[in-house]
Protein backbone atom coordinates (compact mmCIF):
# COMPACT_ATOMS: atom_id res chain seq x y z
CA UNK A 1 24.70 5.72 16.36
CA UNK A 2 23.37 9.02 17.67
CA UNK A 3 20.28 10.71 16.28
CA UNK A 4 22.47 13.36 14.63
CA UNK A 5 24.10 10.64 12.49
CA UNK A 6 20.75 9.20 11.40
CA UNK A 7 20.28 11.28 8.26
CA UNK A 8 19.06 10.30 4.83
CA UNK A 9 21.70 9.48 2.22
CA UNK A 10 19.36 10.81 -0.46
CA UNK A 11 16.37 13.15 -0.70
CA UNK A 12 13.93 13.94 -3.49
CA UNK A 13 10.90 16.16 -3.96
CA UNK A 14 7.92 15.56 -6.28
CA UNK A 15 8.88 12.09 -7.42
CA UNK A 16 7.21 10.02 -10.15
CA UNK A 17 8.83 6.56 -10.35
CA UNK A 18 7.84 3.88 -12.83
CA UNK A 19 8.74 0.27 -12.02
CA UNK A 20 9.00 -2.02 -15.04
CA UNK A 21 9.61 -5.71 -15.64
CA UNK A 22 10.36 -7.03 -19.13
CA UNK A 23 9.27 -3.69 -20.60
CA UNK A 24 5.85 -3.66 -18.89
CA UNK A 25 4.96 -1.12 -16.22
CA UNK A 26 4.30 -2.89 -12.90
CA UNK A 27 3.79 0.17 -10.70
CA UNK A 28 3.83 3.96 -10.70
CA UNK A 29 4.78 5.67 -7.44
CA UNK A 30 4.17 9.38 -6.88
CA UNK A 31 5.11 11.28 -3.75
CA UNK A 32 5.80 14.89 -2.81
CA UNK A 33 8.83 13.85 -0.69
CA UNK A 34 11.18 10.88 -0.44
CA UNK A 35 13.99 10.27 2.06
CA UNK A 36 16.36 7.40 1.32
CA UNK A 37 18.21 5.76 4.22
CA UNK A 38 20.30 3.37 2.10
CA UNK A 39 23.43 3.50 4.27
CA UNK A 40 21.92 2.47 7.63
CA UNK A 41 22.15 -1.09 8.93
CA UNK A 42 18.56 -1.88 7.89
CA UNK A 43 17.98 0.30 4.78
CA UNK A 44 14.60 1.87 4.12
CA UNK A 45 12.96 4.62 2.13
CA UNK A 46 10.55 6.99 3.85
CA UNK A 47 7.73 8.99 2.26
CA UNK A 48 6.84 11.49 5.02
CA UNK A 49 4.19 13.28 2.95
CA UNK A 50 2.50 10.13 1.69
CA UNK A 51 2.27 8.19 -1.53
CA UNK A 52 -0.02 7.68 -4.48
CA UNK A 53 0.76 4.23 -5.90
CA UNK A 54 -0.79 2.52 -8.93
CA UNK A 55 -0.17 -1.21 -9.30
CA UNK A 56 -0.77 -3.04 -12.59
CA UNK A 57 -1.57 -6.73 -12.97
CA UNK A 58 -0.53 -8.81 -15.98
CA UNK A 59 -3.71 -7.79 -17.84
CA UNK A 60 -3.18 -4.07 -17.20
CA UNK A 61 -5.87 -3.78 -14.51
CA UNK A 62 -5.05 -1.17 -11.89
CA UNK A 63 -5.08 -1.10 -8.11
CA UNK A 64 -4.74 2.33 -6.46
CA UNK A 65 -3.09 2.85 -3.07
CA UNK A 66 -2.92 6.13 -1.14
CA UNK A 67 -1.59 6.96 2.32
CA UNK A 68 -0.42 9.97 4.30
CA UNK A 69 2.90 8.31 5.21
CA UNK A 70 4.85 5.27 3.99
CA UNK A 71 8.08 3.38 4.65
CA UNK A 72 9.53 0.81 2.27
CA UNK A 73 11.91 -1.64 3.93
CA UNK A 74 14.54 -2.79 1.44
CA UNK A 75 15.57 -6.06 3.08
CA UNK A 76 12.03 -7.42 3.36
CA UNK A 77 10.19 -5.77 0.43
CA UNK A 78 7.48 -4.70 2.91
CA UNK A 79 5.82 -1.30 2.63
CA UNK A 80 4.26 0.12 5.81
CA UNK A 81 1.39 2.48 4.86
CA UNK A 82 -0.06 4.77 7.55
CA UNK A 83 -2.62 7.53 7.93
CA UNK A 84 -5.88 7.48 5.93
CA UNK A 85 -4.83 4.48 3.86
CA UNK A 86 -7.12 3.70 0.93
CA UNK A 87 -6.78 0.93 -1.60
CA UNK A 88 -9.21 0.69 -4.49
CA UNK A 89 -9.59 -0.92 -7.89
CA UNK A 90 -11.44 -0.36 -11.15
CA UNK A 91 -14.29 -2.65 -9.99
CA UNK A 92 -15.47 -0.16 -7.36
CA UNK A 93 -14.00 -2.02 -4.37
CA UNK A 94 -12.26 0.06 -1.71
CA UNK A 95 -10.65 -0.64 1.65
CA UNK A 96 -9.99 2.14 4.18
CA UNK A 97 -7.84 1.80 7.30
CA UNK A 98 -5.23 3.66 9.37
CA UNK A 99 -2.36 1.23 8.73
CA UNK A 100 -1.76 -1.39 6.07
CA UNK A 101 1.27 -3.45 5.09
CA UNK A 102 2.05 -4.47 1.52
CA UNK A 103 4.30 -7.44 0.77
CA UNK A 104 5.74 -6.59 -2.65
CA UNK A 105 7.09 -10.10 -3.30
CA UNK A 106 3.77 -11.86 -2.69
CA UNK A 107 1.61 -8.91 -3.81
CA UNK A 108 -0.37 -9.24 -0.57
CA UNK A 109 -1.87 -6.62 1.77
CA UNK A 110 -2.57 -7.11 5.48
CA UNK A 111 -3.49 -5.26 8.67
CA UNK A 112 -4.63 -5.99 12.21
CA UNK A 113 -6.27 -2.53 12.41
CA UNK A 114 -9.94 -1.64 12.00
CA UNK A 115 -11.07 -1.30 8.39
CA UNK A 116 -14.02 -0.42 6.18
CA UNK A 117 -14.51 -2.37 2.96
CA UNK A 118 -16.87 -1.01 0.31
CA UNK A 119 -17.88 -2.88 -2.83
CA UNK A 120 -20.82 -2.77 -5.24
CA UNK A 121 -22.37 -5.51 -3.05
CA UNK A 122 -22.29 -3.49 0.17
CA UNK A 123 -20.20 -2.21 3.06
CA UNK A 124 -18.49 -4.18 5.79
CA UNK A 125 -16.43 -3.24 8.82
CA UNK A 126 -13.91 -5.29 10.68
CA UNK A 127 -10.65 -5.62 12.49
CA UNK A 128 -7.87 -7.58 10.79
CA UNK A 129 -7.81 -8.48 7.11
CA UNK A 130 -5.40 -9.74 4.47
CA UNK A 131 -5.96 -9.87 0.72
CA UNK A 132 -4.40 -10.08 -2.74
CA UNK A 133 -3.76 -6.82 -4.55
CA UNK A 134 -6.74 -7.44 -6.86
CA UNK A 135 -9.16 -8.24 -3.95
CA UNK A 136 -9.80 -11.72 -5.44
CA UNK A 137 -8.59 -13.51 -2.29
CA UNK A 138 -9.72 -11.95 1.00
CA UNK A 139 -9.35 -13.30 4.53
CA UNK A 140 -11.07 -11.13 7.12
CA UNK A 141 -11.23 -11.53 10.86
CA UNK A 142 -13.78 -9.76 13.09
CA UNK A 143 -16.28 -8.51 10.49
CA UNK A 144 -19.75 -6.98 10.40
CA UNK A 145 -21.85 -5.18 7.80
CA UNK A 146 -24.41 -5.61 5.06
CA UNK A 147 -23.80 -7.29 1.73
CA UNK A 148 -26.40 -7.47 -1.02
CA UNK A 149 -26.43 -10.83 -2.80
CA UNK A 150 -27.96 -10.26 -6.21
CA UNK A 151 -26.13 -13.00 -8.09
């Protein structure tokens, strides 16, 4: 396949997609631009101008994800988020990094890149982390920072 043949099979501007399951909203995806490559050997959807994604848990609590660029791979349900990636929740926790992957099936985020994690307890920095979408389970690798323990 030459580069000239590698064109999107669908394009959309200013999208606002709502994903539901059994009548409940699971996620809301907003993006200024979407390119769908559904007809290539390994289908994917590209968001060249970034995304603003809100994920909902079963109790309606929200997790917010933003990035400057994203690719969703259809065969693996992995989303590759790049460029000023931030993920935050309603509890005041926020992770910032340059690249982050999201496994939609397992609802799990991970990166090997440097990150900054801010919470009401303090700020930490590290390289390599994986965590559940609600920040309840976190596995971090090389980490440093200050955390206030007031409990």
